[in-house]
Amino acid sequence: MPAINKTKASSDRIKMKIRKGDTVQIISGKEKGKTGEVIQTLPYENRVVVQGINQRTKHLKPTQEGESGRIETKETSVHASNVMIYSTKKKVASKVEIFIDKDGSKKRRLKKTGELID
């Protein structure tokens, strides 16, 4: 039986409109309504890691003698469908549209406010 690569959910990379550094708002789940910055995107799994959201604790045993055990908290990923890009100026979450500028370059813009992201 062939080994299964557990790091990738599928071999297809999913095109994501959310990028590292974007401010997003959680729209569903236990963290609903909270905002944070995207630390990492996982395009093969269609997930994002948001700063301060969906934190998990891990209890670590001491590795060396004389060292005490510790508890680490770490952000885990959230599915990309559960977040929306958040406008800090207008205080509203919105979908993203990609449009072609006059000079021919692609830009991202919020649909509700028309605010440019890049």
C-alpha atoms as a PDB file:
ATOM      1  CA  MET A   1       0.000   0.000   0.000  1.00  0.00           C
ATOM      2  CA  PRO A   2       1.475   3.442  -0.932  1.00  0.00           C
ATOM      3  CA  ALA A   3       2.287   5.962   1.777  1.00  0.00           C
ATOM      4  CA  ILE A   4      -0.117   8.905   2.081  1.00  0.00           C
ATOM      5  CA  ASN A   5       1.325  12.400   2.285  1.00  0.00           C
ATOM      6  CA  LYS A   6      -0.573  13.980   5.197  1.00  0.00           C
ATOM      7  CA  THR A   7       0.840  17.485   4.674  1.00  0.00           C
ATOM      8  CA  LYS A   8      -1.262  18.070   1.555  1.00  0.00           C
ATOM      9  CA  ALA A   9      -5.024  17.485   1.518  1.00  0.00           C
ATOM     10  CA  SER A  10      -4.924  17.198  -2.271  1.00  0.00           C
ATOM     11  CA  SER A  11      -2.377  17.631  -5.013  1.00  0.00           C
ATOM     12  CA  ASP A  12      -4.226  20.663  -6.412  1.00  0.00           C
ATOM     13  CA  ARG A  13      -3.240  24.110  -5.230  1.00  0.00           C
ATOM     14  CA  ILE A  14      -6.306  26.280  -4.566  1.00  0.00           C
ATOM     15  CA  LYS A  15      -6.301  29.874  -5.825  1.00  0.00           C
ATOM     16  CA  MET A  16      -6.817  32.056  -2.755  1.00  0.00           C
ATOM     17  CA  LYS A  17      -7.826  35.730  -2.681  1.00  0.00           C
ATOM     18  CA  ILE A  18      -6.489  36.082   0.867  1.00  0.00           C
ATOM     19  CA  ARG A  19      -2.773  36.738   1.249  1.00  0.00           C
ATOM     20  CA  LYS A  20      -0.229  36.923   4.047  1.00  0.00           C
ATOM     21  CA  GLY A  21      -0.454  40.279   5.832  1.00  0.00           C
ATOM     22  CA  ASP A  22      -4.174  40.862   5.128  1.00  0.00           C
ATOM     23  CA  THR A  23      -6.464  41.836   8.004  1.00  0.00           C
ATOM     24  CA  VAL A  24      -9.354  39.387   8.173  1.00  0.00           C
ATOM     25  CA  GLN A  25     -12.487  38.864  10.263  1.00  0.00           C
ATOM     26  CA  ILE A  26     -13.759  35.448  11.333  1.00  0.00           C
ATOM     27  CA  ILE A  27     -17.324  35.016  10.059  1.00  0.00           C
ATOM     28  CA  SER A  28     -18.231  31.639  11.603  1.00  0.00           C
ATOM     29  CA  GLY A  29     -17.228  29.326  14.414  1.00  0.00           C
ATOM     30  CA  LYS A  30     -16.344  29.891  18.048  1.00  0.00           C
ATOM     31  CA  GLU A  31     -14.102  32.884  17.246  1.00  0.00           C
ATOM     32  CA  LYS A  32     -16.821  34.646  15.186  1.00  0.00           C
ATOM     33  CA  GLY A  33     -16.437  38.427  14.987  1.00  0.00           C
ATOM     34  CA  LYS A  34     -12.746  38.544  15.945  1.00  0.00           C
ATOM     35  CA  THR A  35     -10.193  40.166  13.649  1.00  0.00           C
ATOM     36  CA  GLY A  36      -6.515  39.496  13.076  1.00  0.00           C
ATOM     37  CA  GLU A  37      -3.677  39.493  10.583  1.00  0.00           C
ATOM     38  CA  VAL A  38      -2.958  36.514   8.331  1.00  0.00           C
ATOM     39  CA  ILE A  39       0.388  34.972   9.338  1.00  0.00           C
ATOM     40  CA  GLN A  40       0.433  32.137   6.809  1.00  0.00           C
ATOM     41  CA  THR A  41      -1.645  30.748   3.950  1.00  0.00           C
ATOM     42  CA  LEU A  42      -1.934  27.035   3.203  1.00  0.00           C
ATOM     43  CA  PRO A  43      -3.140  26.900  -0.442  1.00  0.00           C
ATOM     44  CA  TYR A  44      -3.063  23.093  -0.742  1.00  0.00           C
ATOM     45  CA  GLU A  45      -5.468  22.798   2.199  1.00  0.00           C
ATOM     46  CA  ASN A  46      -7.432  26.047   1.528  1.00  0.00           C
ATOM     47  CA  ARG A  47      -6.675  27.257   5.058  1.00  0.00           C
ATOM     48  CA  VAL A  48      -5.130  30.337   6.693  1.00  0.00           C
ATOM     49  CA  VAL A  49      -3.376  30.946  10.015  1.00  0.00           C
ATOM     50  CA  VAL A  50      -4.574  34.152  11.724  1.00  0.00           C
ATOM     51  CA  GLN A  51      -2.685  35.858  14.535  1.00  0.00           C
ATOM     52  CA  GLY A  52      -4.391  35.394  17.923  1.00  0.00           C
ATOM     53  CA  ILE A  53      -7.219  33.224  16.521  1.00  0.00           C
ATOM     54  CA  ASN A  54      -7.888  29.486  17.060  1.00  0.00           C
ATOM     55  CA  GLN A  55      -5.135  29.001  19.621  1.00  0.00           C
ATOM     56  CA  ARG A  56      -4.213  25.571  20.939  1.00  0.00           C
ATOM     57  CA  THR A  57      -2.178  24.704  24.025  1.00  0.00           C
ATOM     58  CA  LYS A  58       0.489  22.022  24.074  1.00  0.00           C
ATOM     59  CA  HIS A  59       2.007  20.651  27.257  1.00  0.00           C
ATOM     60  CA  LEU A  60       5.691  19.859  26.797  1.00  0.00           C
ATOM     61  CA  LYS A  61       7.748  17.591  29.009  1.00  0.00           C
ATOM     62  CA  PRO A  62      11.218  18.726  30.095  1.00  0.00           C
ATOM     63  CA  THR A  63      13.814  17.590  27.548  1.00  0.00           C
ATOM     64  CA  GLN A  64      16.940  18.114  29.664  1.00  0.00           C
ATOM     65  CA  GLU A  65      17.647  17.484  33.315  1.00  0.00           C
ATOM     66  CA  GLY A  66      17.010  20.521  35.487  1.00  0.00           C
ATOM     67  CA  GLU A  67      14.592  21.979  32.960  1.00  0.00           C
ATOM     68  CA  SER A  68      10.929  22.329  33.867  1.00  0.00           C
ATOM     69  CA  GLY A  69       8.022  21.450  31.613  1.00  0.00           C
ATOM     70  CA  ARG A  70       6.132  24.224  29.890  1.00  0.00           C
ATOM     71  CA  ILE A  71       2.859  25.056  28.190  1.00  0.00           C
ATOM     72  CA  GLU A  72       3.006  26.555  24.698  1.00  0.00           C
ATOM     73  CA  THR A  73       0.127  28.256  22.897  1.00  0.00           C
ATOM     74  CA  LYS A  74       0.097  28.262  19.115  1.00  0.00           C
ATOM     75  CA  GLU A  75      -2.296  29.489  16.422  1.00  0.00           C
ATOM     76  CA  THR A  76      -3.747  26.748  14.237  1.00  0.00           C
ATOM     77  CA  SER A  77      -5.302  27.088  10.817  1.00  0.00           C
ATOM     78  CA  VAL A  78      -8.842  28.168   9.978  1.00  0.00           C
ATOM     79  CA  HIS A  79     -10.621  27.240   6.739  1.00  0.00           C
ATOM     80  CA  ALA A  80     -10.471  30.075   4.208  1.00  0.00           C
ATOM     81  CA  SER A  81     -14.266  30.041   3.787  1.00  0.00           C
ATOM     82  CA  ASN A  82     -14.634  31.101   7.435  1.00  0.00           C
ATOM     83  CA  VAL A  83     -12.762  34.407   7.001  1.00  0.00           C
ATOM     84  CA  MET A  84     -13.409  37.625   5.070  1.00  0.00           C
ATOM     85  CA  ILE A  85     -11.052  40.502   4.413  1.00  0.00           C
ATOM     86  CA  TYR A  86     -11.701  43.319   6.885  1.00  0.00           C
ATOM     87  CA  SER A  87     -11.486  47.040   6.128  1.00  0.00           C
ATOM     88  CA  THR A  88      -9.902  48.791   9.110  1.00  0.00           C
ATOM     89  CA  LYS A  89     -10.933  52.223   7.784  1.00  0.00           C
ATOM     90  CA  LYS A  90     -14.656  51.476   7.336  1.00  0.00           C
ATOM     91  CA  LYS A  91     -14.846  48.695   9.999  1.00  0.00           C
ATOM     92  CA  VAL A  92     -16.615  46.258   7.661  1.00  0.00           C
ATOM     93  CA  ALA A  93     -15.848  42.790   6.249  1.00  0.00           C
ATOM     94  CA  SER A  94     -16.189  42.347   2.512  1.00  0.00           C
ATOM     95  CA  LYS A  95     -15.629  40.006  -0.403  1.00  0.00           C
ATOM     96  CA  VAL A  96     -12.681  40.629  -2.693  1.00  0.00           C
ATOM     97  CA  GLU A  97     -12.852  41.296  -6.404  1.00  0.00           C
ATOM     98  CA  ILE A  98      -9.890  41.166  -8.740  1.00  0.00           C
ATOM     99  CA  PHE A  99      -9.920  43.756 -11.507  1.00  0.00           C
ATOM    100  CA  ILE A 100      -7.510  44.875 -14.196  1.00  0.00           C
ATOM    101  CA  ASP A 101      -6.189  48.396 -13.738  1.00  0.00           C
ATOM    102  CA  LYS A 102      -5.735  50.909 -16.578  1.00  0.00           C
ATOM    103  CA  ASP A 103      -2.053  50.008 -16.876  1.00  0.00           C
ATOM    104  CA  GLY A 104      -2.960  46.305 -17.295  1.00  0.00           C
ATOM    105  CA  SER A 105      -1.952  45.058 -13.823  1.00  0.00           C
ATOM    106  CA  LYS A 106      -4.273  43.002 -11.616  1.00  0.00           C
ATOM    107  CA  LYS A 107      -5.419  44.643  -8.388  1.00  0.00           C
ATOM    108  CA  ARG A 108      -7.551  43.497  -5.456  1.00  0.00           C
ATOM    109  CA  ARG A 109     -10.458  45.643  -4.274  1.00  0.00           C
ATOM    110  CA  LEU A 110     -13.146  45.270  -1.599  1.00  0.00           C
ATOM    111  CA  LYS A 111     -16.604  44.879  -3.134  1.00  0.00           C
ATOM    112  CA  LYS A 112     -18.524  46.746  -0.399  1.00  0.00           C
ATOM    113  CA  THR A 113     -16.294  49.811  -0.034  1.00  0.00           C
ATOM    114  CA  GLY A 114     -14.270  49.883  -3.273  1.00  0.00           C
ATOM    115  CA  GLU A 115     -11.093  50.204  -1.193  1.00  0.00           C
ATOM    116  CA  LEU A 116      -7.883  49.000  -2.892  1.00  0.00           C
ATOM    117  CA  ILE A 117      -5.960  46.300  -1.008  1.00  0.00           C
ATOM    118  CA  ASP A 118      -2.736  46.302  -3.054  1.00  0.00           C
END
